[in-house]
Amino acid sequence: MINVPYSILLIAVMSGVSALLRFLPFIIFHEGRETPQIITYLGKYLPPALIAMLVIYCFKSVSIVSRPHGLPEFIAAALVAILHIWKRNTLLSIGAGTICYMILIQFVFV
């Protein structure tokens, strides 16, 4: 049975924490205050590191020794990279790569 007051409280707490985490940087690093070097460093190097980890995670179960030898994954990843370099549109590149991958595994490499 669903406990409605508990669910409402849970949603309220999660919403409050999410809002606090969104506003906290603006509260801590308000105008006129120097941003700490560690935050600048993390802002510069963390996004590429996370993307690299995501790519490794996505390719970890690809087998190049059995059919289709990872071709759908590598073709879709190449399309994502090419579109992103060309158009600089994240939504377009990820969406097109996902659609390309789904078409390849459903219709081409059956």
N, C-alpha and C. Protein backbone atom coordinates (compact mmCIF):
# COMPACT_ATOMS: atom_id res chain seq x y z
N MET A 1 0.84 -1.18 0.00
CA MET A 1 0.00 0.00 0.00
C MET A 1 0.89 1.24 0.00
N ILE A 2 0.49 2.24 -0.73
CA ILE A 2 1.26 3.47 -0.86
C ILE A 2 0.97 4.38 0.32
N ASN A 3 2.04 4.86 0.94
CA ASN A 3 1.92 5.80 2.04
C ASN A 3 2.01 7.22 1.45
N VAL A 4 0.87 7.86 1.24
CA VAL A 4 0.80 9.14 0.53
C VAL A 4 1.56 10.25 1.26
N PRO A 5 1.38 10.44 2.57
CA PRO A 5 2.15 11.52 3.23
C PRO A 5 3.66 11.31 3.12
N TYR A 6 4.11 10.05 3.24
CA TYR A 6 5.53 9.76 3.11
C TYR A 6 6.02 10.11 1.71
N SER A 7 5.23 9.75 0.69
CA SER A 7 5.62 10.04 -0.70
C SER A 7 5.69 11.54 -0.94
N ILE A 8 4.73 12.30 -0.41
CA ILE A 8 4.73 13.75 -0.57
C ILE A 8 5.95 14.36 0.12
N LEU A 9 6.24 13.90 1.33
CA LEU A 9 7.42 14.39 2.06
C LEU A 9 8.70 14.05 1.32
N LEU A 10 8.78 12.84 0.78
CA LEU A 10 9.97 12.41 0.03
C LEU A 10 10.19 13.30 -1.19
N ILE A 11 9.12 13.56 -1.93
CA ILE A 11 9.22 14.42 -3.12
C ILE A 11 9.62 15.84 -2.72
N ALA A 12 9.06 16.34 -1.62
CA ALA A 12 9.40 17.70 -1.16
C ALA A 12 10.86 17.79 -0.76
N VAL A 13 11.37 16.80 -0.05
CA VAL A 13 12.77 16.81 0.37
C VAL A 13 13.70 16.72 -0.84
N MET A 14 13.38 15.83 -1.78
CA MET A 14 14.21 15.69 -2.98
C MET A 14 14.19 16.97 -3.81
N SER A 15 13.04 17.62 -3.90
CA SER A 15 12.95 18.89 -4.64
C SER A 15 13.77 19.98 -3.95
N GLY A 16 13.69 20.03 -2.62
CA GLY A 16 14.46 21.03 -1.87
C GLY A 16 15.95 20.83 -2.02
N VAL A 17 16.40 19.59 -1.94
CA VAL A 17 17.83 19.30 -2.08
C VAL A 17 18.29 19.63 -3.50
N SER A 18 17.48 19.27 -4.50
CA SER A 18 17.84 19.58 -5.89
C SER A 18 17.96 21.08 -6.11
N ALA A 19 17.00 21.84 -5.58
CA ALA A 19 17.05 23.30 -5.71
C ALA A 19 18.25 23.87 -4.99
N LEU A 20 18.53 23.36 -3.79
CA LEU A 20 19.69 23.84 -3.04
C LEU A 20 20.99 23.58 -3.80
N LEU A 21 21.12 22.39 -4.39
CA LEU A 21 22.33 22.08 -5.14
C LEU A 21 22.46 22.95 -6.39
N ARG A 22 21.34 23.36 -6.97
CA ARG A 22 21.39 24.26 -8.13
C ARG A 22 21.79 25.67 -7.74
N PHE A 23 21.29 26.15 -6.59
CA PHE A 23 21.54 27.53 -6.18
C PHE A 23 22.82 27.71 -5.37
N LEU A 24 23.35 26.64 -4.80
CA LEU A 24 24.51 26.73 -3.92
C LEU A 24 25.73 27.40 -4.57
N PRO A 25 26.08 27.08 -5.81
CA PRO A 25 27.23 27.77 -6.41
C PRO A 25 27.04 29.28 -6.50
N PHE A 26 25.82 29.73 -6.75
CA PHE A 26 25.55 31.16 -6.84
C PHE A 26 25.62 31.82 -5.47
N ILE A 27 25.27 31.07 -4.44
CA ILE A 27 25.34 31.60 -3.08
C ILE A 27 26.79 31.66 -2.62
N ILE A 28 27.55 30.60 -2.87
CA ILE A 28 28.94 30.53 -2.41
C ILE A 28 29.84 31.47 -3.21
N PHE A 29 29.71 31.45 -4.53
CA PHE A 29 30.60 32.22 -5.40
C PHE A 29 29.88 33.42 -5.99
N HIS A 30 29.38 34.28 -5.14
CA HIS A 30 28.68 35.47 -5.61
C HIS A 30 29.67 36.45 -6.23
N GLU A 31 29.14 37.47 -6.90
CA GLU A 31 29.99 38.43 -7.59
C GLU A 31 30.98 39.10 -6.64
N GLY A 32 32.14 39.37 -7.17
CA GLY A 32 33.16 40.05 -6.38
C GLY A 32 34.07 39.11 -5.62
N ARG A 33 33.73 37.84 -5.60
CA ARG A 33 34.55 36.87 -4.88
C ARG A 33 35.28 35.98 -5.88
N GLU A 34 36.55 35.77 -5.64
CA GLU A 34 37.39 34.97 -6.54
C GLU A 34 37.01 33.49 -6.45
N THR A 35 36.88 32.85 -7.62
CA THR A 35 36.60 31.41 -7.65
C THR A 35 37.87 30.65 -7.29
N PRO A 36 37.78 29.70 -6.35
CA PRO A 36 38.97 28.93 -5.97
C PRO A 36 39.56 28.19 -7.17
N GLN A 37 40.88 28.02 -7.13
CA GLN A 37 41.58 27.38 -8.24
C GLN A 37 41.13 25.94 -8.45
N ILE A 38 40.80 25.23 -7.38
CA ILE A 38 40.37 23.83 -7.52
C ILE A 38 39.05 23.74 -8.28
N ILE A 39 38.17 24.71 -8.08
CA ILE A 39 36.89 24.72 -8.81
C ILE A 39 37.13 25.02 -10.28
N THR A 40 38.02 25.95 -10.56
CA THR A 40 38.36 26.27 -11.95
C THR A 40 38.99 25.05 -12.63
N TYR A 41 39.89 24.37 -11.92
CA TYR A 41 40.55 23.17 -12.45
C TYR A 41 39.52 22.08 -12.74
N LEU A 42 38.62 21.83 -11.78
CA LEU A 42 37.59 20.80 -11.98
C LEU A 42 36.66 21.17 -13.12
N GLY A 43 36.32 22.44 -13.24
CA GLY A 43 35.46 22.88 -14.33
C GLY A 43 36.10 22.71 -15.70
N LYS A 44 37.42 22.76 -15.73
CA LYS A 44 38.13 22.62 -17.00
C LYS A 44 38.35 21.16 -17.39
N TYR A 45 38.73 20.31 -16.42
CA TYR A 45 39.16 18.95 -16.74
C TYR A 45 38.14 17.87 -16.43
N LEU A 46 37.15 18.12 -15.61
CA LEU A 46 36.19 17.09 -15.26
C LEU A 46 35.25 16.71 -16.40
N PRO A 47 34.68 17.65 -17.17
CA PRO A 47 33.78 17.25 -18.26
C PRO A 47 34.44 16.32 -19.30
N PRO A 48 35.65 16.62 -19.80
CA PRO A 48 36.24 15.67 -20.75
C PRO A 48 36.54 14.31 -20.11
N ALA A 49 36.93 14.31 -18.84
CA ALA A 49 37.20 13.04 -18.16
C ALA A 49 35.92 12.22 -18.02
N LEU A 50 34.83 12.86 -17.71
CA LEU A 50 33.56 12.14 -17.59
C LEU A 50 33.09 11.61 -18.94
N ILE A 51 33.27 12.38 -19.99
CA ILE A 51 32.89 11.92 -21.32
C ILE A 51 33.75 10.72 -21.71
N ALA A 52 35.04 10.76 -21.41
CA ALA A 52 35.92 9.62 -21.72
C ALA A 52 35.47 8.38 -20.95
N MET A 53 35.12 8.54 -19.68
CA MET A 53 34.64 7.40 -18.90
C MET A 53 33.34 6.85 -19.47
N LEU A 54 32.45 7.73 -19.93
CA LEU A 54 31.19 7.30 -20.52
C LEU A 54 31.42 6.52 -21.81
N VAL A 55 32.34 6.99 -22.63
CA VAL A 55 32.66 6.29 -23.88
C VAL A 55 33.23 4.91 -23.56
N ILE A 56 34.14 4.82 -22.61
CA ILE A 56 34.71 3.53 -22.22
C ILE A 56 33.62 2.60 -21.70
N TYR A 57 32.72 3.13 -20.88
CA TYR A 57 31.62 2.33 -20.36
C TYR A 57 30.72 1.82 -21.48
N CYS A 58 30.45 2.66 -22.47
CA CYS A 58 29.57 2.26 -23.57
C CYS A 58 30.21 1.18 -24.44
N PHE A 59 31.51 1.19 -24.58
CA PHE A 59 32.19 0.22 -25.43
C PHE A 59 32.72 -0.99 -24.68
N LYS A 60 32.49 -1.10 -23.38
CA LYS A 60 33.09 -2.17 -22.59
C LYS A 60 32.57 -3.56 -22.96
N SER A 61 31.37 -3.66 -23.44
CA SER A 61 30.82 -4.98 -23.76
C SER A 61 30.80 -5.28 -25.26
N VAL A 62 31.45 -4.45 -26.04
CA VAL A 62 31.51 -4.66 -27.49
C VAL A 62 32.54 -5.74 -27.78
N SER A 63 32.10 -6.75 -28.51
CA SER A 63 33.02 -7.84 -28.89
C SER A 63 33.44 -7.65 -30.34
N ILE A 64 34.75 -7.50 -30.55
CA ILE A 64 35.23 -7.33 -31.92
C ILE A 64 35.59 -8.67 -32.56
N VAL A 65 35.51 -9.76 -31.80
CA VAL A 65 35.85 -11.07 -32.35
C VAL A 65 34.64 -11.84 -32.86
N SER A 66 33.44 -11.41 -32.51
CA SER A 66 32.24 -12.08 -33.01
C SER A 66 31.39 -11.09 -33.79
N ARG A 67 30.54 -11.66 -34.67
CA ARG A 67 29.69 -10.81 -35.50
C ARG A 67 28.83 -9.92 -34.63
N PRO A 68 28.58 -8.72 -34.96
CA PRO A 68 29.00 -7.92 -36.11
C PRO A 68 30.30 -7.15 -35.89
N HIS A 69 31.14 -7.64 -34.99
CA HIS A 69 32.49 -7.10 -34.76
C HIS A 69 32.50 -5.65 -34.29
N GLY A 70 31.43 -5.22 -33.64
CA GLY A 70 31.38 -3.86 -33.11
C GLY A 70 31.10 -2.79 -34.14
N LEU A 71 30.76 -3.20 -35.35
CA LEU A 71 30.52 -2.21 -36.41
C LEU A 71 29.36 -1.26 -36.11
N PRO A 72 28.21 -1.73 -35.60
CA PRO A 72 27.14 -0.75 -35.32
C PRO A 72 27.56 0.31 -34.30
N GLU A 73 28.27 -0.12 -33.27
CA GLU A 73 28.70 0.81 -32.23
C GLU A 73 29.70 1.82 -32.77
N PHE A 74 30.68 1.34 -33.55
CA PHE A 74 31.71 2.24 -34.07
C PHE A 74 31.17 3.18 -35.14
N ILE A 75 30.23 2.69 -35.96
CA ILE A 75 29.62 3.56 -36.98
C ILE A 75 28.81 4.66 -36.30
N ALA A 76 28.00 4.28 -35.30
CA ALA A 76 27.19 5.28 -34.59
C ALA A 76 28.07 6.28 -33.85
N ALA A 77 29.14 5.80 -33.22
CA ALA A 77 30.05 6.70 -32.50
C ALA A 77 30.75 7.65 -33.46
N ALA A 78 31.13 7.15 -34.63
CA ALA A 78 31.76 8.01 -35.63
C ALA A 78 30.78 9.08 -36.11
N LEU A 79 29.51 8.69 -36.29
CA LEU A 79 28.51 9.67 -36.69
C LEU A 79 28.33 10.75 -35.63
N VAL A 80 28.30 10.34 -34.36
CA VAL A 80 28.18 11.31 -33.27
C VAL A 80 29.36 12.28 -33.30
N ALA A 81 30.57 11.75 -33.43
CA ALA A 81 31.76 12.61 -33.43
C ALA A 81 31.76 13.56 -34.62
N ILE A 82 31.44 13.05 -35.79
CA ILE A 82 31.44 13.88 -37.00
C ILE A 82 30.39 14.99 -36.90
N LEU A 83 29.18 14.60 -36.49
CA LEU A 83 28.12 15.61 -36.37
C LEU A 83 28.45 16.66 -35.32
N HIS A 84 29.04 16.22 -34.21
CA HIS A 84 29.36 17.18 -33.16
C HIS A 84 30.47 18.14 -33.59
N ILE A 85 31.47 17.63 -34.27
CA ILE A 85 32.54 18.51 -34.77
C ILE A 85 32.00 19.47 -35.82
N TRP A 86 31.11 18.96 -36.68
CA TRP A 86 30.59 19.77 -37.77
C TRP A 86 29.56 20.80 -37.30
N LYS A 87 28.55 20.37 -36.55
CA LYS A 87 27.44 21.24 -36.19
C LYS A 87 27.52 21.82 -34.77
N ARG A 88 28.33 21.22 -33.89
CA ARG A 88 28.45 21.67 -32.49
C ARG A 88 27.09 21.70 -31.79
N ASN A 89 26.26 20.69 -32.09
CA ASN A 89 24.93 20.59 -31.49
C ASN A 89 24.84 19.23 -30.79
N THR A 90 24.88 19.25 -29.48
CA THR A 90 24.90 18.01 -28.71
C THR A 90 23.64 17.19 -28.93
N LEU A 91 22.49 17.83 -28.89
CA LEU A 91 21.24 17.11 -29.05
C LEU A 91 21.16 16.45 -30.42
N LEU A 92 21.58 17.16 -31.45
CA LEU A 92 21.57 16.60 -32.80
C LEU A 92 22.51 15.41 -32.90
N SER A 93 23.73 15.56 -32.41
CA SER A 93 24.71 14.49 -32.56
C SER A 93 24.32 13.24 -31.77
N ILE A 94 23.87 13.41 -30.53
CA ILE A 94 23.48 12.25 -29.73
C ILE A 94 22.20 11.61 -30.28
N GLY A 95 21.24 12.43 -30.68
CA GLY A 95 20.00 11.89 -31.24
C GLY A 95 20.24 11.13 -32.53
N ALA A 96 21.03 11.71 -33.43
CA ALA A 96 21.32 11.05 -34.70
C ALA A 96 22.12 9.77 -34.49
N GLY A 97 23.06 9.80 -33.55
CA GLY A 97 23.84 8.59 -33.25
C GLY A 97 22.98 7.49 -32.69
N THR A 98 22.05 7.84 -31.82
CA THR A 98 21.15 6.84 -31.25
C THR A 98 20.24 6.24 -32.31
N ILE A 99 19.66 7.09 -33.16
CA ILE A 99 18.80 6.61 -34.24
C ILE A 99 19.59 5.73 -35.20
N CYS A 100 20.80 6.17 -35.55
CA CYS A 100 21.66 5.39 -36.45
C CYS A 100 21.96 4.01 -35.84
N TYR A 101 22.30 3.98 -34.56
CA TYR A 101 22.61 2.71 -33.90
C TYR A 101 21.41 1.79 -33.89
N MET A 102 20.24 2.33 -33.58
CA MET A 102 19.03 1.51 -33.54
C MET A 102 18.69 0.95 -34.92
N ILE A 103 18.83 1.75 -35.96
CA ILE A 103 18.58 1.27 -37.32
C ILE A 103 19.58 0.17 -37.68
N LEU A 104 20.84 0.38 -37.33
CA LEU A 104 21.85 -0.61 -37.66
C LEU A 104 21.60 -1.95 -36.96
N ILE A 105 21.27 -1.93 -35.68
CA ILE A 105 21.10 -3.22 -34.98
C ILE A 105 19.75 -3.87 -35.27
N GLN A 106 18.75 -3.08 -35.69
CA GLN A 106 17.44 -3.67 -35.97
C GLN A 106 17.27 -4.15 -37.41
N PHE A 107 17.93 -3.45 -38.36
CA PHE A 107 17.68 -3.75 -39.76
C PHE A 107 18.91 -4.17 -40.55
N VAL A 108 20.07 -3.66 -40.23
CA VAL A 108 21.26 -3.93 -41.05
C VAL A 108 22.04 -5.13 -40.52
N PHE A 109 22.41 -5.11 -39.25
CA PHE A 109 23.21 -6.19 -38.67
C PHE A 109 22.31 -7.13 -37.86
N VAL A 110 21.39 -7.79 -38.55
CA VAL A 110 20.42 -8.67 -37.86
C VAL A 110 21.02 -10.02 -37.61
